[in-house]
Structures are given as structure tokens and as C-alpha cells.
Amino acid sequence: MSDYARRPRRKYCNFCKDHVDYIDYKDVNTLRKYMTDRGKIKPRRVTGNCAQHQHQLSTAIKRAREMALVPYAVPVVSGRVDGKGRR
């Protein structure tokens, strides 16, 4: 097999593609796409954003967190009741 067959597809910045000048912190649906289910910001290597838009995105998410539009962290739901594994 050649190297070309195994090379992953290059990610691209969706904000550059759509010519977005400003990422709005009130646009919660867009911000949620760039957050994990636990509420953490996804890194650039996962999202494919350029450095400028990733910085704007993280600032917008942090502002939305302060305004309580998106959560800081989502509590983990597990089968355990207490921290020692007992029910």
C-alpha cells in the first residue's frame, strides 16, 4: 500500500470557508458543535479550525459560559452512587 492510501483527509476551517468575521457567543448551536458532551472545548486538531478562529471560538464559548448559555461542565452519570463503588 502506498502512503497516499493511508493519509487522512485534511481538515479545513469551516469559519474561513463561510467567510465568518465574528463568532457570536449567543449562537449556542454553533458553539455546541465545537464542545464535547462533557462541556470541554474541542482542540484544533479535532475541529480543523485555523488558529485565529479557534481563538475566537474559545473566547465565545467562555463568554457563553459566563452568561449561562452553555454549561461549564456536565455532571458524569454513572452507575455508582458514592465514590467507593458501592450502591
N, C-alpha and C. Protein backbone atom coordinates (compact mmCIF):
# COMPACT_ATOMS: atom_id res chain seq x y z
N MET A 1 0.84 -1.19 0.00
CA MET A 1 0.00 0.00 0.00
C MET A 1 0.87 1.25 0.00
N SER A 2 0.43 2.24 -0.67
CA SER A 2 1.19 3.48 -0.72
C SER A 2 0.81 4.38 0.46
N ASP A 3 1.64 5.37 0.70
CA ASP A 3 1.36 6.34 1.76
C ASP A 3 0.10 7.13 1.48
N TYR A 4 -0.17 7.36 0.21
CA TYR A 4 -1.33 8.17 -0.17
C TYR A 4 -2.64 7.51 0.26
N ALA A 5 -2.71 6.20 0.22
CA ALA A 5 -3.95 5.49 0.55
C ALA A 5 -4.28 5.62 2.04
N ARG A 6 -3.26 5.75 2.88
CA ARG A 6 -3.49 5.80 4.32
C ARG A 6 -3.56 7.22 4.87
N ARG A 7 -3.28 8.21 4.06
CA ARG A 7 -3.26 9.58 4.54
C ARG A 7 -4.67 10.05 4.86
N PRO A 8 -4.88 10.57 6.08
CA PRO A 8 -6.24 11.05 6.41
C PRO A 8 -6.56 12.32 5.64
N ARG A 9 -7.83 12.58 5.52
CA ARG A 9 -8.28 13.76 4.81
C ARG A 9 -7.94 15.02 5.58
N ARG A 10 -7.47 16.03 4.90
CA ARG A 10 -7.08 17.27 5.57
C ARG A 10 -8.32 18.00 6.06
N LYS A 11 -8.27 18.44 7.33
CA LYS A 11 -9.38 19.20 7.88
C LYS A 11 -9.25 20.65 7.43
N TYR A 12 -10.36 21.34 7.36
CA TYR A 12 -10.35 22.73 6.94
C TYR A 12 -11.21 23.53 7.92
N CYS A 13 -10.95 24.80 7.97
CA CYS A 13 -11.67 25.69 8.89
C CYS A 13 -13.02 26.05 8.29
N ASN A 14 -14.08 25.67 8.96
CA ASN A 14 -15.43 25.97 8.48
C ASN A 14 -15.71 27.47 8.51
N PHE A 15 -15.11 28.17 9.45
CA PHE A 15 -15.35 29.61 9.56
C PHE A 15 -14.68 30.35 8.40
N CYS A 16 -13.49 29.91 7.99
CA CYS A 16 -12.83 30.52 6.83
C CYS A 16 -13.62 30.22 5.56
N LYS A 17 -14.12 29.00 5.46
CA LYS A 17 -14.88 28.60 4.27
C LYS A 17 -16.14 29.45 4.12
N ASP A 18 -16.81 29.74 5.24
CA ASP A 18 -18.05 30.51 5.21
C ASP A 18 -17.81 32.03 5.33
N HIS A 19 -16.55 32.45 5.37
CA HIS A 19 -16.17 33.86 5.48
C HIS A 19 -16.79 34.52 6.71
N VAL A 20 -16.64 33.86 7.88
CA VAL A 20 -17.17 34.38 9.13
C VAL A 20 -16.16 35.37 9.72
N ASP A 21 -16.61 36.59 10.01
CA ASP A 21 -15.72 37.60 10.59
C ASP A 21 -15.75 37.56 12.12
N TYR A 22 -16.91 37.24 12.68
CA TYR A 22 -17.09 37.29 14.14
C TYR A 22 -17.90 36.08 14.58
N ILE A 23 -17.39 35.38 15.60
CA ILE A 23 -18.11 34.23 16.15
C ILE A 23 -18.92 34.74 17.33
N ASP A 24 -20.23 34.65 17.23
CA ASP A 24 -21.14 35.21 18.24
C ASP A 24 -21.31 34.24 19.40
N TYR A 25 -21.15 34.75 20.62
CA TYR A 25 -21.30 33.90 21.80
C TYR A 25 -22.76 33.51 22.05
N LYS A 26 -23.70 34.22 21.43
CA LYS A 26 -25.13 33.92 21.61
C LYS A 26 -25.62 32.81 20.69
N ASP A 27 -24.80 32.43 19.72
CA ASP A 27 -25.16 31.36 18.78
C ASP A 27 -24.78 30.01 19.40
N VAL A 28 -25.63 29.54 20.30
CA VAL A 28 -25.33 28.36 21.11
C VAL A 28 -25.22 27.09 20.27
N ASN A 29 -26.04 26.96 19.23
CA ASN A 29 -26.00 25.75 18.41
C ASN A 29 -24.65 25.59 17.71
N THR A 30 -24.09 26.67 17.24
CA THR A 30 -22.77 26.61 16.61
C THR A 30 -21.69 26.28 17.64
N LEU A 31 -21.78 26.90 18.80
CA LEU A 31 -20.77 26.66 19.84
C LEU A 31 -20.80 25.21 20.33
N ARG A 32 -21.98 24.62 20.42
CA ARG A 32 -22.10 23.23 20.90
C ARG A 32 -21.40 22.23 19.99
N LYS A 33 -21.31 22.56 18.69
CA LYS A 33 -20.63 21.66 17.75
C LYS A 33 -19.15 21.54 18.06
N TYR A 34 -18.61 22.57 18.70
CA TYR A 34 -17.18 22.60 18.99
C TYR A 34 -16.89 22.30 20.46
N MET A 35 -17.85 21.69 21.15
CA MET A 35 -17.67 21.27 22.53
C MET A 35 -17.96 19.78 22.66
N THR A 36 -17.32 19.15 23.63
CA THR A 36 -17.59 17.73 23.88
C THR A 36 -18.90 17.61 24.65
N ASP A 37 -19.35 16.38 24.83
CA ASP A 37 -20.59 16.17 25.59
C ASP A 37 -20.41 16.51 27.07
N ARG A 38 -19.16 16.58 27.53
CA ARG A 38 -18.88 16.96 28.91
C ARG A 38 -18.74 18.47 29.09
N GLY A 39 -18.76 19.22 27.97
CA GLY A 39 -18.69 20.67 28.06
C GLY A 39 -17.31 21.25 27.83
N LYS A 40 -16.35 20.43 27.42
CA LYS A 40 -15.00 20.93 27.16
C LYS A 40 -14.87 21.39 25.71
N ILE A 41 -13.97 22.32 25.47
CA ILE A 41 -13.74 22.84 24.12
C ILE A 41 -12.88 21.84 23.35
N LYS A 42 -13.33 21.47 22.15
CA LYS A 42 -12.56 20.55 21.33
C LYS A 42 -11.31 21.24 20.79
N PRO A 43 -10.19 20.52 20.69
CA PRO A 43 -8.96 21.14 20.20
C PRO A 43 -8.96 21.36 18.70
N ARG A 44 -8.01 22.16 18.24
CA ARG A 44 -7.87 22.49 16.82
C ARG A 44 -7.64 21.26 15.97
N ARG A 45 -6.85 20.32 16.48
CA ARG A 45 -6.53 19.13 15.67
C ARG A 45 -7.76 18.27 15.42
N VAL A 46 -8.78 18.41 16.26
CA VAL A 46 -10.03 17.67 16.08
C VAL A 46 -11.00 18.43 15.18
N THR A 47 -11.13 19.73 15.44
CA THR A 47 -12.12 20.53 14.70
C THR A 47 -11.62 20.96 13.33
N GLY A 48 -10.31 21.16 13.18
CA GLY A 48 -9.76 21.61 11.91
C GLY A 48 -9.79 23.12 11.74
N ASN A 49 -10.08 23.86 12.79
CA ASN A 49 -10.13 25.31 12.70
C ASN A 49 -8.73 25.90 12.57
N CYS A 50 -8.65 27.08 11.97
CA CYS A 50 -7.38 27.79 11.93
C CYS A 50 -7.15 28.42 13.31
N ALA A 51 -5.95 28.91 13.55
CA ALA A 51 -5.59 29.43 14.87
C ALA A 51 -6.44 30.64 15.25
N GLN A 52 -6.68 31.53 14.30
CA GLN A 52 -7.44 32.75 14.60
C GLN A 52 -8.87 32.41 14.99
N HIS A 53 -9.52 31.54 14.22
CA HIS A 53 -10.90 31.20 14.52
C HIS A 53 -11.02 30.32 15.76
N GLN A 54 -10.02 29.48 16.04
CA GLN A 54 -10.06 28.68 17.26
C GLN A 54 -9.98 29.59 18.48
N HIS A 55 -9.17 30.63 18.39
CA HIS A 55 -9.06 31.58 19.50
C HIS A 55 -10.37 32.33 19.69
N GLN A 56 -10.98 32.79 18.60
CA GLN A 56 -12.27 33.48 18.69
C GLN A 56 -13.35 32.54 19.23
N LEU A 57 -13.30 31.28 18.81
CA LEU A 57 -14.27 30.29 19.26
C LEU A 57 -14.16 30.05 20.77
N SER A 58 -12.93 29.88 21.25
CA SER A 58 -12.76 29.64 22.68
C SER A 58 -13.19 30.84 23.50
N THR A 59 -12.93 32.04 23.00
CA THR A 59 -13.38 33.25 23.69
C THR A 59 -14.91 33.31 23.72
N ALA A 60 -15.55 32.97 22.60
CA ALA A 60 -17.01 32.99 22.53
C ALA A 60 -17.62 31.94 23.48
N ILE A 61 -17.01 30.76 23.54
CA ILE A 61 -17.53 29.72 24.44
C ILE A 61 -17.38 30.16 25.89
N LYS A 62 -16.26 30.77 26.22
CA LYS A 62 -16.05 31.23 27.60
C LYS A 62 -17.04 32.34 27.97
N ARG A 63 -17.34 33.22 27.02
CA ARG A 63 -18.34 34.26 27.29
C ARG A 63 -19.72 33.65 27.46
N ALA A 64 -20.04 32.66 26.63
CA ALA A 64 -21.35 32.00 26.73
C ALA A 64 -21.47 31.25 28.06
N ARG A 65 -20.38 30.72 28.55
CA ARG A 65 -20.40 30.06 29.86
C ARG A 65 -20.70 31.06 30.96
N GLU A 66 -20.08 32.23 30.89
CA GLU A 66 -20.32 33.26 31.91
C GLU A 66 -21.76 33.74 31.90
N MET A 67 -22.37 33.78 30.71
CA MET A 67 -23.76 34.21 30.58
C MET A 67 -24.73 33.06 30.83
N ALA A 68 -24.21 31.89 31.16
CA ALA A 68 -25.01 30.69 31.46
C ALA A 68 -25.80 30.20 30.25
N LEU A 69 -25.25 30.42 29.05
CA LEU A 69 -25.89 29.89 27.84
C LEU A 69 -25.45 28.46 27.57
N VAL A 70 -24.21 28.13 27.93
CA VAL A 70 -23.70 26.76 27.85
C VAL A 70 -23.09 26.41 29.21
N PRO A 71 -23.09 25.14 29.58
CA PRO A 71 -22.59 24.77 30.91
C PRO A 71 -21.06 24.77 30.97
N TYR A 72 -20.53 25.00 32.18
CA TYR A 72 -19.09 24.86 32.40
C TYR A 72 -18.71 23.39 32.31
N ALA A 73 -19.47 22.55 33.01
CA ALA A 73 -19.22 21.12 33.00
C ALA A 73 -20.53 20.39 33.20
N VAL A 74 -20.66 19.24 32.58
CA VAL A 74 -21.85 18.42 32.71
C VAL A 74 -21.54 17.30 33.70
N PRO A 75 -22.37 17.10 34.71
CA PRO A 75 -22.07 16.04 35.68
C PRO A 75 -22.05 14.67 35.02
N VAL A 76 -21.14 13.84 35.47
CA VAL A 76 -20.98 12.50 34.93
C VAL A 76 -22.05 11.60 35.54
N VAL A 77 -22.79 10.91 34.69
CA VAL A 77 -23.81 9.99 35.18
C VAL A 77 -23.24 8.58 35.06
N SER A 78 -23.07 7.94 36.19
CA SER A 78 -22.53 6.57 36.18
C SER A 78 -23.42 5.70 37.07
N GLY A 79 -23.11 4.44 37.09
CA GLY A 79 -23.89 3.50 37.89
C GLY A 79 -23.57 3.57 39.36
N ARG A 80 -22.48 4.24 39.71
CA ARG A 80 -22.07 4.31 41.10
C ARG A 80 -22.80 5.44 41.83
N VAL A 81 -23.10 5.17 43.11
CA VAL A 81 -23.77 6.17 43.93
C VAL A 81 -22.75 6.99 44.70
N ASP A 82 -21.79 6.30 45.33
CA ASP A 82 -20.74 7.03 46.04
C ASP A 82 -19.40 6.78 45.36
N GLY A 83 -18.37 7.39 45.85
CA GLY A 83 -17.07 7.31 45.20
C GLY A 83 -16.35 5.97 45.37
N LYS A 84 -16.86 5.09 46.23
CA LYS A 84 -16.16 3.84 46.51
C LYS A 84 -16.70 2.64 45.73
N GLY A 85 -17.62 2.86 44.84
CA GLY A 85 -18.14 1.78 44.02
C GLY A 85 -19.30 1.03 44.61
N ARG A 86 -19.78 1.48 45.78
CA ARG A 86 -20.94 0.84 46.40
C ARG A 86 -22.21 1.51 45.95
N ARG A 87 -23.26 0.76 45.88
CA ARG A 87 -24.58 1.32 45.52
C ARG A 87 -25.36 1.66 46.75
